[in-house]
Amino acid sequence: MKLEIQPILKKLQPLINLLKRDSVAIFLAIVAVIFGYLIWRIGTLAGAEPSQDALDEKLLTVVRPKIDADSINKIQSLKSQNIDIQSYFSDRSNPFTE
């Protein structure tokens, strides 16, 4: 049994001619569909909210910092020793204004 390709090519000739003639339009339509899908997908993902289970899981992994009393006393003593420093540039004019 021998397969003849010529009759098949003759039946496909109108389709091949259509693809050759409108190849740019077909390409642009495919690109437009791809971009449309990407824009739609980005829009849906940008508005997505995490589930309550995901939030609870993340909150369980948060470790609260612990500050001991010695550190608090040291910070308060440094705060009480703070001296106000006057800027040397308090009378300086802006060189960029006319």
N, C-alpha and C. Protein backbone atom coordinates (compact mmCIF):
# COMPACT_ATOMS: atom_id res chain seq x y z
N MET A 1 0.85 -1.16 0.00
CA MET A 1 0.00 0.00 0.00
C MET A 1 0.90 1.23 0.00
N LYS A 2 0.73 2.04 -1.01
CA LYS A 2 1.56 3.22 -1.19
C LYS A 2 0.72 4.46 -0.89
N LEU A 3 1.28 5.35 -0.10
CA LEU A 3 0.57 6.57 0.29
C LEU A 3 0.92 7.68 -0.70
N GLU A 4 -0.10 8.25 -1.30
CA GLU A 4 0.09 9.34 -2.25
C GLU A 4 -0.02 10.68 -1.52
N ILE A 5 0.98 11.52 -1.66
CA ILE A 5 1.02 12.81 -0.98
C ILE A 5 0.40 13.91 -1.84
N GLN A 6 0.44 13.79 -3.11
CA GLN A 6 -0.04 14.84 -4.01
C GLN A 6 -1.52 15.18 -3.80
N PRO A 7 -2.43 14.22 -3.66
CA PRO A 7 -3.82 14.61 -3.43
C PRO A 7 -4.03 15.33 -2.09
N ILE A 8 -3.24 14.92 -1.11
CA ILE A 8 -3.35 15.58 0.19
C ILE A 8 -2.86 17.02 0.09
N LEU A 9 -1.75 17.24 -0.62
CA LEU A 9 -1.22 18.58 -0.78
C LEU A 9 -2.18 19.48 -1.58
N LYS A 10 -2.86 18.91 -2.55
CA LYS A 10 -3.82 19.70 -3.33
C LYS A 10 -5.00 20.13 -2.47
N LYS A 11 -5.42 19.27 -1.55
CA LYS A 11 -6.53 19.65 -0.66
C LYS A 11 -6.08 20.66 0.40
N LEU A 12 -4.82 20.61 0.79
CA LEU A 12 -4.31 21.55 1.77
C LEU A 12 -3.81 22.86 1.17
N GLN A 13 -3.76 22.96 -0.13
CA GLN A 13 -3.23 24.15 -0.80
C GLN A 13 -3.97 25.44 -0.41
N PRO A 14 -5.31 25.46 -0.32
CA PRO A 14 -5.97 26.71 0.11
C PRO A 14 -5.57 27.14 1.52
N LEU A 15 -5.40 26.18 2.41
CA LEU A 15 -4.97 26.50 3.77
C LEU A 15 -3.55 27.04 3.78
N ILE A 16 -2.67 26.46 2.99
CA ILE A 16 -1.29 26.93 2.91
C ILE A 16 -1.24 28.34 2.34
N ASN A 17 -2.05 28.60 1.32
CA ASN A 17 -2.10 29.94 0.74
C ASN A 17 -2.61 30.96 1.77
N LEU A 18 -3.60 30.57 2.54
CA LEU A 18 -4.13 31.46 3.57
C LEU A 18 -3.07 31.77 4.62
N LEU A 19 -2.31 30.76 5.04
CA LEU A 19 -1.26 30.96 6.03
C LEU A 19 -0.15 31.86 5.49
N LYS A 20 0.20 31.69 4.22
CA LYS A 20 1.23 32.53 3.63
C LYS A 20 0.76 33.98 3.52
N ARG A 21 -0.47 34.17 3.11
CA ARG A 21 -0.98 35.52 2.88
C ARG A 21 -1.20 36.27 4.19
N ASP A 22 -1.72 35.61 5.19
CA ASP A 22 -2.08 36.27 6.45
C ASP A 22 -1.15 35.89 7.60
N SER A 23 0.09 35.57 7.31
CA SER A 23 1.00 35.12 8.36
C SER A 23 1.29 36.22 9.38
N VAL A 24 1.41 37.46 8.94
CA VAL A 24 1.69 38.56 9.87
C VAL A 24 0.49 38.78 10.78
N ALA A 25 -0.70 38.78 10.23
CA ALA A 25 -1.91 38.99 11.03
C ALA A 25 -2.10 37.84 12.03
N ILE A 26 -1.83 36.64 11.62
CA ILE A 26 -1.95 35.48 12.52
C ILE A 26 -0.94 35.59 13.65
N PHE A 27 0.29 35.98 13.32
CA PHE A 27 1.32 36.15 14.33
C PHE A 27 0.93 37.23 15.33
N LEU A 28 0.45 38.36 14.85
CA LEU A 28 0.04 39.45 15.74
C LEU A 28 -1.14 39.03 16.62
N ALA A 29 -2.05 38.26 16.08
CA ALA A 29 -3.19 37.78 16.87
C ALA A 29 -2.72 36.85 17.98
N ILE A 30 -1.77 35.98 17.68
CA ILE A 30 -1.24 35.07 18.69
C ILE A 30 -0.52 35.85 19.79
N VAL A 31 0.28 36.85 19.40
CA VAL A 31 0.99 37.68 20.38
C VAL A 31 -0.02 38.45 21.24
N ALA A 32 -1.08 38.97 20.64
CA ALA A 32 -2.10 39.70 21.40
C ALA A 32 -2.80 38.79 22.40
N VAL A 33 -3.07 37.57 22.01
CA VAL A 33 -3.70 36.62 22.93
C VAL A 33 -2.77 36.29 24.10
N ILE A 34 -1.49 36.11 23.82
CA ILE A 34 -0.52 35.81 24.88
C ILE A 34 -0.41 36.99 25.84
N PHE A 35 -0.29 38.20 25.31
CA PHE A 35 -0.20 39.38 26.18
C PHE A 35 -1.49 39.57 26.98
N GLY A 36 -2.61 39.35 26.37
CA GLY A 36 -3.88 39.46 27.09
C GLY A 36 -3.95 38.48 28.24
N TYR A 37 -3.52 37.26 28.01
CA TYR A 37 -3.51 36.26 29.07
C TYR A 37 -2.58 36.67 30.20
N LEU A 38 -1.38 37.17 29.86
CA LEU A 38 -0.43 37.58 30.88
C LEU A 38 -0.96 38.74 31.71
N ILE A 39 -1.59 39.71 31.08
CA ILE A 39 -2.15 40.85 31.80
C ILE A 39 -3.27 40.39 32.72
N TRP A 40 -4.12 39.53 32.23
CA TRP A 40 -5.21 38.99 33.06
C TRP A 40 -4.65 38.22 34.26
N ARG A 41 -3.62 37.41 34.02
CA ARG A 41 -3.05 36.58 35.09
C ARG A 41 -2.36 37.45 36.14
N ILE A 42 -1.64 38.48 35.71
CA ILE A 42 -0.98 39.38 36.64
C ILE A 42 -2.03 40.11 37.48
N GLY A 43 -3.12 40.51 36.85
CA GLY A 43 -4.19 41.19 37.58
C GLY A 43 -4.81 40.31 38.64
N THR A 44 -5.02 39.05 38.33
CA THR A 44 -5.62 38.15 39.32
C THR A 44 -4.64 37.83 40.45
N LEU A 45 -3.36 37.69 40.13
CA LEU A 45 -2.37 37.39 41.17
C LEU A 45 -2.07 38.61 42.04
N ALA A 46 -2.17 39.80 41.47
CA ALA A 46 -1.90 41.01 42.25
C ALA A 46 -2.99 41.24 43.29
N GLY A 47 -4.20 40.82 43.01
CA GLY A 47 -5.29 41.01 43.95
C GLY A 47 -5.52 39.84 44.88
N ALA A 48 -4.71 38.83 44.80
CA ALA A 48 -4.91 37.63 45.62
C ALA A 48 -4.51 37.91 47.06
N GLU A 49 -5.30 37.41 47.97
CA GLU A 49 -5.04 37.54 49.40
C GLU A 49 -4.67 36.17 49.95
N PRO A 50 -3.75 36.13 50.93
CA PRO A 50 -3.39 34.84 51.52
C PRO A 50 -4.54 34.29 52.36
N SER A 51 -4.57 32.98 52.49
CA SER A 51 -5.62 32.36 53.28
C SER A 51 -5.33 32.56 54.77
N GLN A 52 -6.34 32.33 55.58
CA GLN A 52 -6.18 32.49 57.03
C GLN A 52 -5.18 31.48 57.58
N ASP A 53 -5.14 30.28 57.01
CA ASP A 53 -4.19 29.26 57.45
C ASP A 53 -2.75 29.71 57.20
N ALA A 54 -2.50 30.33 56.04
CA ALA A 54 -1.16 30.82 55.73
C ALA A 54 -0.76 31.94 56.68
N LEU A 55 -1.71 32.81 57.00
CA LEU A 55 -1.42 33.89 57.95
C LEU A 55 -1.10 33.34 59.33
N ASP A 56 -1.89 32.38 59.78
CA ASP A 56 -1.65 31.78 61.09
C ASP A 56 -0.29 31.08 61.14
N GLU A 57 0.07 30.42 60.05
CA GLU A 57 1.36 29.73 60.01
C GLU A 57 2.52 30.72 60.10
N LYS A 58 2.41 31.84 59.41
CA LYS A 58 3.45 32.85 59.46
C LYS A 58 3.53 33.50 60.84
N LEU A 59 2.39 33.71 61.48
CA LEU A 59 2.39 34.33 62.79
C LEU A 59 3.00 33.41 63.85
N LEU A 60 2.90 32.12 63.65
CA LEU A 60 3.50 31.19 64.59
C LEU A 60 5.02 31.20 64.51
N THR A 61 5.56 31.52 63.35
CA THR A 61 7.02 31.50 63.18
C THR A 61 7.67 32.81 63.60
N VAL A 62 6.89 33.85 63.92
CA VAL A 62 7.46 35.13 64.34
C VAL A 62 7.98 35.01 65.77
N VAL A 63 9.22 35.39 65.95
CA VAL A 63 9.84 35.33 67.27
C VAL A 63 9.93 36.76 67.81
N ARG A 64 9.33 36.98 68.96
CA ARG A 64 9.37 38.31 69.57
C ARG A 64 10.73 38.53 70.21
N PRO A 65 11.31 39.72 69.99
CA PRO A 65 12.61 39.98 70.62
C PRO A 65 12.45 40.17 72.13
N LYS A 66 13.43 39.69 72.86
CA LYS A 66 13.41 39.80 74.32
C LYS A 66 14.58 40.68 74.74
N ILE A 67 14.26 41.74 75.50
CA ILE A 67 15.28 42.65 75.98
C ILE A 67 15.37 42.48 77.49
N ASP A 68 16.57 42.21 77.96
CA ASP A 68 16.72 42.01 79.39
C ASP A 68 16.79 43.35 80.13
N ALA A 69 16.66 43.32 81.42
CA ALA A 69 16.58 44.53 82.25
C ALA A 69 17.88 45.32 82.21
N ASP A 70 19.02 44.65 82.13
CA ASP A 70 20.30 45.36 82.08
C ASP A 70 20.41 46.22 80.83
N SER A 71 19.94 45.71 79.71
CA SER A 71 19.97 46.48 78.47
C SER A 71 19.06 47.68 78.56
N ILE A 72 17.89 47.53 79.15
CA ILE A 72 16.96 48.65 79.31
C ILE A 72 17.57 49.73 80.19
N ASN A 73 18.20 49.32 81.29
CA ASN A 73 18.85 50.29 82.17
C ASN A 73 19.98 51.02 81.45
N LYS A 74 20.75 50.32 80.65
CA LYS A 74 21.86 50.93 79.91
C LYS A 74 21.33 51.94 78.90
N ILE A 75 20.27 51.60 78.19
CA ILE A 75 19.67 52.52 77.21
C ILE A 75 19.13 53.76 77.90
N GLN A 76 18.48 53.60 79.03
CA GLN A 76 17.94 54.75 79.75
C GLN A 76 19.06 55.64 80.30
N SER A 77 20.16 55.06 80.74
CA SER A 77 21.26 55.88 81.23
C SER A 77 21.91 56.65 80.09
N LEU A 78 22.03 56.04 78.93
CA LEU A 78 22.58 56.75 77.77
C LEU A 78 21.64 57.87 77.34
N LYS A 79 20.36 57.64 77.45
CA LYS A 79 19.38 58.65 77.07
C LYS A 79 19.47 59.85 78.02
N SER A 80 19.67 59.60 79.30
CA SER A 80 19.76 60.70 80.26
C SER A 80 21.07 61.47 80.09
N GLN A 81 22.11 60.87 79.53
CA GLN A 81 23.39 61.54 79.31
C GLN A 81 23.44 62.28 77.98
N ASN A 82 22.41 62.19 77.19
CA ASN A 82 22.40 62.80 75.86
C ASN A 82 22.49 64.32 75.97
N ILE A 83 23.35 64.93 75.14
CA ILE A 83 23.56 66.37 75.13
C ILE A 83 23.06 66.90 73.79
N ASP A 84 22.33 68.01 73.83
CA ASP A 84 21.89 68.62 72.58
C ASP A 84 23.09 69.25 71.89
N ILE A 85 23.25 68.93 70.63
CA ILE A 85 24.37 69.45 69.86
C ILE A 85 23.82 70.44 68.86
N GLN A 86 24.39 71.63 68.87
CA GLN A 86 23.98 72.66 67.92
C GLN A 86 24.76 72.45 66.62
N SER A 87 24.08 72.62 65.55
CA SER A 87 24.70 72.41 64.25
C SER A 87 25.60 73.59 63.89
N TYR A 88 26.71 73.30 63.29
CA TYR A 88 27.61 74.35 62.82
C TYR A 88 27.04 75.05 61.59
N PHE A 89 26.10 74.43 60.95
CA PHE A 89 25.58 74.95 59.70
C PHE A 89 24.19 75.56 59.85
N SER A 90 23.85 76.08 60.98
CA SER A 90 22.51 76.59 61.20
C SER A 90 22.24 77.87 60.40
N ASP A 91 23.27 78.69 60.14
CA ASP A 91 23.08 79.94 59.38
C ASP A 91 23.47 79.81 57.92
N ARG A 92 23.59 78.65 57.46
CA ARG A 92 24.04 78.41 56.10
C ARG A 92 22.89 78.65 55.13
N SER A 93 23.18 79.31 54.03
CA SER A 93 22.15 79.58 53.04
C SER A 93 22.20 78.52 51.95
N ASN A 94 21.09 78.34 51.27
CA ASN A 94 21.00 77.34 50.21
C ASN A 94 21.65 77.89 48.95
N PRO A 95 22.69 77.23 48.41
CA PRO A 95 23.37 77.76 47.22
C PRO A 95 22.58 77.53 45.94
N PHE A 96 21.51 76.73 45.99
CA PHE A 96 20.78 76.42 44.78
C PHE A 96 19.59 77.35 44.52
N THR A 97 19.30 78.22 45.45
CA THR A 97 18.22 79.18 45.23
C THR A 97 18.80 80.48 44.70
N GLU A 98 18.04 81.16 43.88
CA GLU A 98 18.53 82.41 43.31
C GLU A 98 17.94 83.59 44.04
